Amino acid sequence: MREVKELRELSDEELVKKVEEYKAELRRLITEINTGGSVQNPARAKLLRKSIARALTILKERRLRKNVG
């Protein structure tokens, strides 16, 4: 839950950058896995997907709150 708290403290622009970083790392990791390379932590892909989803959820909540308020 610490990650969610840290993500909520970021601005919208920082969150978008964070999502881009996560996606780039995920693409690199998946490519490495698919080419048969030795991956130190293959479970990292799952963690990255969850982190991306968390960040996008926070962004969507903020946008909805701005539209309502």
PDB file of N, CA and C in Angstrom:
ATOM      1  N   MET A   1       0.816  -1.198   0.000  1.00  0.00           N
ATOM      2  CA  MET A   1       0.000   0.000   0.000  1.00  0.00           C
ATOM      3  C   MET A   1       0.857   1.258   0.000  1.00  0.00           C
ATOM      4  N   ARG A   2       2.129   1.111   0.343  1.00  0.00           N
ATOM      5  CA  ARG A   2       3.016   2.264   0.357  1.00  0.00           C
ATOM      6  C   ARG A   2       3.144   2.859  -1.041  1.00  0.00           C
ATOM      7  N   GLU A   3       3.157   1.988  -2.059  1.00  0.00           N
ATOM      8  CA  GLU A   3       3.294   2.467  -3.427  1.00  0.00           C
ATOM      9  C   GLU A   3       2.110   3.356  -3.812  1.00  0.00           C
ATOM     10  N   VAL A   4       0.905   2.979  -3.409  1.00  0.00           N
ATOM     11  CA  VAL A   4      -0.284   3.771  -3.727  1.00  0.00           C
ATOM     12  C   VAL A   4      -0.181   5.143  -3.081  1.00  0.00           C
ATOM     13  N   LYS A   5       0.266   5.181  -1.854  1.00  0.00           N
ATOM     14  CA  LYS A   5       0.402   6.453  -1.153  1.00  0.00           C
ATOM     15  C   LYS A   5       1.414   7.351  -1.871  1.00  0.00           C
ATOM     16  N   GLU A   6       2.521   6.755  -2.292  1.00  0.00           N
ATOM     17  CA  GLU A   6       3.543   7.523  -3.016  1.00  0.00           C
ATOM     18  C   GLU A   6       3.010   8.028  -4.356  1.00  0.00           C
ATOM     19  N   LEU A   7       2.251   7.184  -5.051  1.00  0.00           N
ATOM     20  CA  LEU A   7       1.693   7.597  -6.335  1.00  0.00           C
ATOM     21  C   LEU A   7       0.688   8.735  -6.161  1.00  0.00           C
ATOM     22  N   ARG A   8      -0.105   8.694  -5.113  1.00  0.00           N
ATOM     23  CA  ARG A   8      -1.104   9.732  -4.872  1.00  0.00           C
ATOM     24  C   ARG A   8      -0.450  11.086  -4.567  1.00  0.00           C
ATOM     25  N   GLU A   9       0.773  11.062  -4.071  1.00  0.00           N
ATOM     26  CA  GLU A   9       1.475  12.302  -3.755  1.00  0.00           C
ATOM     27  C   GLU A   9       2.049  12.983  -5.002  1.00  0.00           C
ATOM     28  N   LEU A  10       2.123  12.254  -6.117  1.00  0.00           N
ATOM     29  CA  LEU A  10       2.675  12.821  -7.347  1.00  0.00           C
ATOM     30  C   LEU A  10       1.640  13.690  -8.057  1.00  0.00           C
ATOM     31  N   SER A  11       2.131  14.656  -8.834  1.00  0.00           N
ATOM     32  CA  SER A  11       1.226  15.481  -9.646  1.00  0.00           C
ATOM     33  C   SER A  11       0.776  14.661 -10.854  1.00  0.00           C
ATOM     34  N   ASP A  12      -0.206  15.175 -11.577  1.00  0.00           N
ATOM     35  CA  ASP A  12      -0.704  14.473 -12.761  1.00  0.00           C
ATOM     36  C   ASP A  12       0.402  14.266 -13.783  1.00  0.00           C
ATOM     37  N   GLU A  13       1.217  15.291 -14.006  1.00  0.00           N
ATOM     38  CA  GLU A  13       2.298  15.188 -14.986  1.00  0.00           C
ATOM     39  C   GLU A  13       3.318  14.131 -14.559  1.00  0.00           C
ATOM     40  N   GLU A  14       3.635  14.112 -13.272  1.00  0.00           N
ATOM     41  CA  GLU A  14       4.583  13.125 -12.768  1.00  0.00           C
ATOM     42  C   GLU A  14       4.012  11.715 -12.884  1.00  0.00           C
ATOM     43  N   LEU A  15       2.709  11.577 -12.662  1.00  0.00           N
ATOM     44  CA  LEU A  15       2.070  10.274 -12.789  1.00  0.00           C
ATOM     45  C   LEU A  15       2.122   9.781 -14.230  1.00  0.00           C
ATOM     46  N   VAL A  16       1.875  10.666 -15.170  1.00  0.00           N
ATOM     47  CA  VAL A  16       1.929  10.290 -16.587  1.00  0.00           C
ATOM     48  C   VAL A  16       3.346   9.842 -16.944  1.00  0.00           C
ATOM     49  N   LYS A  17       4.352  10.561 -16.458  1.00  0.00           N
ATOM     50  CA  LYS A  17       5.747  10.173 -16.715  1.00  0.00           C
ATOM     51  C   LYS A  17       6.052   8.817 -16.092  1.00  0.00           C
ATOM     52  N   LYS A  18       5.528   8.589 -14.898  1.00  0.00           N
ATOM     53  CA  LYS A  18       5.750   7.329 -14.199  1.00  0.00           C
ATOM     54  C   LYS A  18       5.144   6.169 -14.992  1.00  0.00           C
ATOM     55  N   VAL A  19       3.930   6.374 -15.527  1.00  0.00           N
ATOM     56  CA  VAL A  19       3.284   5.339 -16.338  1.00  0.00           C
ATOM     57  C   VAL A  19       4.127   5.049 -17.572  1.00  0.00           C
ATOM     58  N   GLU A  20       4.648   6.084 -18.213  1.00  0.00           N
ATOM     59  CA  GLU A  20       5.488   5.893 -19.391  1.00  0.00           C
ATOM     60  C   GLU A  20       6.751   5.106 -19.039  1.00  0.00           C
ATOM     61  N   GLU A  21       7.345   5.409 -17.894  1.00  0.00           N
ATOM     62  CA  GLU A  21       8.535   4.679 -17.444  1.00  0.00           C
ATOM     63  C   GLU A  21       8.210   3.207 -17.203  1.00  0.00           C
ATOM     64  N   TYR A  22       7.080   2.961 -16.514  1.00  0.00           N
ATOM     65  CA  TYR A  22       6.661   1.587 -16.240  1.00  0.00           C
ATOM     66  C   TYR A  22       6.423   0.824 -17.545  1.00  0.00           C
ATOM     67  N   LYS A  23       5.755   1.465 -18.509  1.00  0.00           N
ATOM     68  CA  LYS A  23       5.458   0.810 -19.786  1.00  0.00           C
ATOM     69  C   LYS A  23       6.738   0.495 -20.548  1.00  0.00           C
ATOM     70  N   ALA A  24       7.689   1.416 -20.536  1.00  0.00           N
ATOM     71  CA  ALA A  24       8.961   1.189 -21.226  1.00  0.00           C
ATOM     72  C   ALA A  24       9.702   0.011 -20.589  1.00  0.00           C
ATOM     73  N   GLU A  25       9.719  -0.031 -19.272  1.00  0.00           N
ATOM     74  CA  GLU A  25      10.398  -1.131 -18.577  1.00  0.00           C
ATOM     75  C   GLU A  25       9.687  -2.454 -18.854  1.00  0.00           C
ATOM     76  N   LEU A  26       8.357  -2.422 -18.879  1.00  0.00           N
ATOM     77  CA  LEU A  26       7.589  -3.632 -19.151  1.00  0.00           C
ATOM     78  C   LEU A  26       7.869  -4.144 -20.565  1.00  0.00           C
ATOM     79  N   ARG A  27       7.896  -3.229 -21.546  1.00  0.00           N
ATOM     80  CA  ARG A  27       8.209  -3.633 -22.924  1.00  0.00           C
ATOM     81  C   ARG A  27       9.593  -4.277 -23.001  1.00  0.00           C
ATOM     82  N   ARG A  28      10.571  -3.660 -22.341  1.00  0.00           N
ATOM     83  CA  ARG A  28      11.935  -4.198 -22.343  1.00  0.00           C
ATOM     84  C   ARG A  28      11.971  -5.585 -21.699  1.00  0.00           C
ATOM     85  N   LEU A  29      11.278  -5.730 -20.580  1.00  0.00           N
ATOM     86  CA  LEU A  29      11.269  -6.995 -19.853  1.00  0.00           C
ATOM     87  C   LEU A  29      10.577  -8.089 -20.661  1.00  0.00           C
ATOM     88  N   ILE A  30       9.454  -7.769 -21.278  1.00  0.00           N
ATOM     89  CA  ILE A  30       8.731  -8.766 -22.076  1.00  0.00           C
ATOM     90  C   ILE A  30       9.564  -9.185 -23.281  1.00  0.00           C
ATOM     91  N   THR A  31      10.230  -8.230 -23.905  1.00  0.00           N
ATOM     92  CA  THR A  31      11.102  -8.554 -25.031  1.00  0.00           C
ATOM     93  C   THR A  31      12.208  -9.498 -24.584  1.00  0.00           C
ATOM     94  N   GLU A  32      12.773  -9.204 -23.444  1.00  0.00           N
ATOM     95  CA  GLU A  32      13.846 -10.047 -22.907  1.00  0.00           C
ATOM     96  C   GLU A  32      13.336 -11.456 -22.610  1.00  0.00           C
ATOM     97  N   ILE A  33      12.141 -11.543 -22.044  1.00  0.00           N
ATOM     98  CA  ILE A  33      11.557 -12.851 -21.735  1.00  0.00           C
ATOM     99  C   ILE A  33      11.280 -13.618 -23.025  1.00  0.00           C
ATOM    100  N   ASN A  34      10.705 -12.944 -24.028  1.00  0.00           N
ATOM    101  CA  ASN A  34      10.335 -13.601 -25.282  1.00  0.00           C
ATOM    102  C   ASN A  34      11.536 -14.059 -26.105  1.00  0.00           C
ATOM    103  N   THR A  35      12.659 -13.364 -25.972  1.00  0.00           N
ATOM    104  CA  THR A  35      13.848 -13.766 -26.720  1.00  0.00           C
ATOM    105  C   THR A  35      14.597 -14.891 -26.020  1.00  0.00           C
ATOM    106  N   GLY A  36      14.105 -15.301 -24.880  1.00  0.00           N
ATOM    107  CA  GLY A  36      14.720 -16.417 -24.168  1.00  0.00           C
ATOM    108  C   GLY A  36      15.890 -15.999 -23.320  1.00  0.00           C
ATOM    109  N   GLY A  37      16.011 -14.721 -23.074  1.00  0.00           N
ATOM    110  CA  GLY A  37      17.106 -14.220 -22.253  1.00  0.00           C
ATOM    111  C   GLY A  37      16.919 -14.583 -20.791  1.00  0.00           C
ATOM    112  N   SER A  38      17.987 -14.493 -20.072  1.00  0.00           N
ATOM    113  CA  SER A  38      17.954 -14.782 -18.645  1.00  0.00           C
ATOM    114  C   SER A  38      17.431 -13.559 -17.903  1.00  0.00           C
ATOM    115  N   VAL A  39      16.277 -13.709 -17.298  1.00  0.00           N
ATOM    116  CA  VAL A  39      15.647 -12.613 -16.583  1.00  0.00           C
ATOM    117  C   VAL A  39      15.803 -12.869 -15.090  1.00  0.00           C
ATOM    118  N   GLN A  40      16.304 -11.868 -14.379  1.00  0.00           N
ATOM    119  CA  GLN A  40      16.532 -12.035 -12.944  1.00  0.00           C
ATOM    120  C   GLN A  40      15.234 -12.203 -12.168  1.00  0.00           C
ATOM    121  N   ASN A  41      14.206 -11.414 -12.539  1.00  0.00           N
ATOM    122  CA  ASN A  41      12.955 -11.460 -11.799  1.00  0.00           C
ATOM    123  C   ASN A  41      11.778 -11.433 -12.780  1.00  0.00           C
ATOM    124  N   PRO A  42      11.371 -12.604 -13.291  1.00  0.00           N
ATOM    125  CA  PRO A  42      10.280 -12.629 -14.262  1.00  0.00           C
ATOM    126  C   PRO A  42       8.945 -12.161 -13.677  1.00  0.00           C
ATOM    127  N   ALA A  43       8.778 -12.217 -12.379  1.00  0.00           N
ATOM    128  CA  ALA A  43       7.536 -11.758 -11.742  1.00  0.00           C
ATOM    129  C   ALA A  43       7.436 -10.239 -11.780  1.00  0.00           C
ATOM    130  N   ARG A  44       8.509  -9.571 -12.121  1.00  0.00           N
ATOM    131  CA  ARG A  44       8.515  -8.106 -12.211  1.00  0.00           C
ATOM    132  C   ARG A  44       7.493  -7.621 -13.243  1.00  0.00           C
ATOM    133  N   ALA A  45       7.263  -8.398 -14.306  1.00  0.00           N
ATOM    134  CA  ALA A  45       6.293  -8.019 -15.336  1.00  0.00           C
ATOM    135  C   ALA A  45       4.905  -7.870 -14.717  1.00  0.00           C
ATOM    136  N   LYS A  46       4.536  -8.787 -13.869  1.00  0.00           N
ATOM    137  CA  LYS A  46       3.234  -8.723 -13.207  1.00  0.00           C
ATOM    138  C   LYS A  46       3.158  -7.492 -12.303  1.00  0.00           C
ATOM    139  N   LEU A  47       4.212  -7.226 -11.575  1.00  0.00           N
ATOM    140  CA  LEU A  47       4.243  -6.062 -10.693  1.00  0.00           C
ATOM    141  C   LEU A  47       4.143  -4.756 -11.486  1.00  0.00           C
ATOM    142  N   LEU A  48       4.812  -4.715 -12.630  1.00  0.00           N
ATOM    143  CA  LEU A  48       4.761  -3.517 -13.468  1.00  0.00           C
ATOM    144  C   LEU A  48       3.354  -3.286 -14.012  1.00  0.00           C
ATOM    145  N   ARG A  49       2.694  -4.357 -14.452  1.00  0.00           N
ATOM    146  CA  ARG A  49       1.323  -4.207 -14.955  1.00  0.00           C
ATOM    147  C   ARG A  49       0.396  -3.677 -13.863  1.00  0.00           C
ATOM    148  N   LYS A  50       0.567  -4.172 -12.651  1.00  0.00           N
ATOM    149  CA  LYS A  50      -0.265  -3.697 -11.538  1.00  0.00           C
ATOM    150  C   LYS A  50       0.041  -2.239 -11.197  1.00  0.00           C
ATOM    151  N   SER A  51       1.297  -1.869 -11.255  1.00  0.00           N
ATOM    152  CA  SER A  51       1.685  -0.482 -10.975  1.00  0.00           C
ATOM    153  C   SER A  51       1.107   0.465 -12.021  1.00  0.00           C
ATOM    154  N   ILE A  52       1.124   0.038 -13.280  1.00  0.00           N
ATOM    155  CA  ILE A  52       0.538   0.847 -14.350  1.00  0.00           C
ATOM    156  C   ILE A  52      -0.950   1.034 -14.096  1.00  0.00           C
ATOM    157  N   ALA A  53      -1.623  -0.040 -13.745  1.00  0.00           N
ATOM    158  CA  ALA A  53      -3.063   0.033 -13.483  1.00  0.00           C
ATOM    159  C   ALA A  53      -3.362   0.948 -12.305  1.00  0.00           C
ATOM    160  N   ARG A  54      -2.558   0.870 -11.261  1.00  0.00           N
ATOM    161  CA  ARG A  54      -2.766   1.736 -10.092  1.00  0.00           C
ATOM    162  C   ARG A  54      -2.627   3.206 -10.471  1.00  0.00           C
ATOM    163  N   ALA A  55      -1.568   3.519 -11.204  1.00  0.00           N
ATOM    164  CA  ALA A  55      -1.321   4.907 -11.585  1.00  0.00           C
ATOM    165  C   ALA A  55      -2.435   5.439 -12.486  1.00  0.00           C
ATOM    166  N   LEU A  56      -2.879   4.624 -13.441  1.00  0.00           N
ATOM    167  CA  LEU A  56      -3.956   5.051 -14.332  1.00  0.00           C
ATOM    168  C   LEU A  56      -5.272   5.223 -13.570  1.00  0.00           C
ATOM    169  N   THR A  57      -5.500   4.381 -12.571  1.00  0.00           N
ATOM    170  CA  THR A  57      -6.702   4.504 -11.752  1.00  0.00           C
ATOM    171  C   THR A  57      -6.691   5.818 -10.978  1.00  0.00           C
ATOM    172  N   ILE A  58      -5.553   6.170 -10.424  1.00  0.00           N
ATOM    173  CA  ILE A  58      -5.438   7.426  -9.678  1.00  0.00           C
ATOM    174  C   ILE A  58      -5.688   8.606 -10.608  1.00  0.00           C
ATOM    175  N   LEU A  59      -5.121   8.564 -11.812  1.00  0.00           N
ATOM    176  CA  LEU A  59      -5.343   9.645 -12.785  1.00  0.00           C
ATOM    177  C   LEU A  59      -6.826   9.770 -13.136  1.00  0.00           C
ATOM    178  N   LYS A  60      -7.480   8.631 -13.346  1.00  0.00           N
ATOM    179  CA  LYS A  60      -8.899   8.661 -13.703  1.00  0.00           C
ATOM    180  C   LYS A  60      -9.736   9.210 -12.548  1.00  0.00           C
ATOM    181  N   GLU A  61      -9.425   8.808 -11.324  1.00  0.00           N
ATOM    182  CA  GLU A  61     -10.147   9.325 -10.153  1.00  0.00           C
ATOM    183  C   GLU A  61     -10.028  10.840 -10.082  1.00  0.00           C
ATOM    184  N   ARG A  62      -8.826  11.350 -10.316  1.00  0.00           N
ATOM    185  CA  ARG A  62      -8.613  12.798 -10.250  1.00  0.00           C
ATOM    186  C   ARG A  62      -9.409  13.522 -11.333  1.00  0.00           C
ATOM    187  N   ARG A  63      -9.410  12.965 -12.541  1.00  0.00           N
ATOM    188  CA  ARG A  63     -10.147  13.598 -13.636  1.00  0.00           C
ATOM    189  C   ARG A  63     -11.648  13.593 -13.365  1.00  0.00           C
ATOM    190  N   LEU A  64     -12.142  12.489 -12.812  1.00  0.00           N
ATOM    191  CA  LEU A  64     -13.574  12.429 -12.480  1.00  0.00           C
ATOM    192  C   LEU A  64     -13.921  13.423 -11.372  1.00  0.00           C
ATOM    193  N   ARG A  65     -13.038  13.549 -10.402  1.00  0.00           N
ATOM    194  CA  ARG A  65     -13.270  14.469  -9.299  1.00  0.00           C
ATOM    195  C   ARG A  65     -13.275  15.917  -9.796  1.00  0.00           C
ATOM    196  N   LYS A  66     -12.420  16.218 -10.774  1.00  0.00           N
ATOM    197  CA  LYS A  66     -12.385  17.575 -11.341  1.00  0.00           C
ATOM    198  C   LYS A  66     -13.672  17.871 -12.097  1.00  0.00           C
ATOM    199  N   ASN A  67     -14.194  16.879 -12.816  1.00  0.00           N
ATOM    200  CA  ASN A  67     -15.432  17.072 -13.589  1.00  0.00           C
ATOM    201  C   ASN A  67     -16.645  17.238 -12.690  1.00  0.00           C
ATOM    202  N   VAL A  68     -16.670  16.531 -11.574  1.00  0.00           N
ATOM    203  CA  VAL A  68     -17.809  16.607 -10.650  1.00  0.00           C
ATOM    204  C   VAL A  68     -17.722  17.871  -9.817  1.00  0.00           C
ATOM    205  N   GLY A  69     -16.532  18.183  -9.328  1.00  0.00           N
ATOM    206  CA  GLY A  69     -16.364  19.312  -8.419  1.00  0.00           C
ATOM    207  C   GLY A  69     -16.169  20.534  -9.177  1.00  0.00           C
TER     208      GLY A  69
END
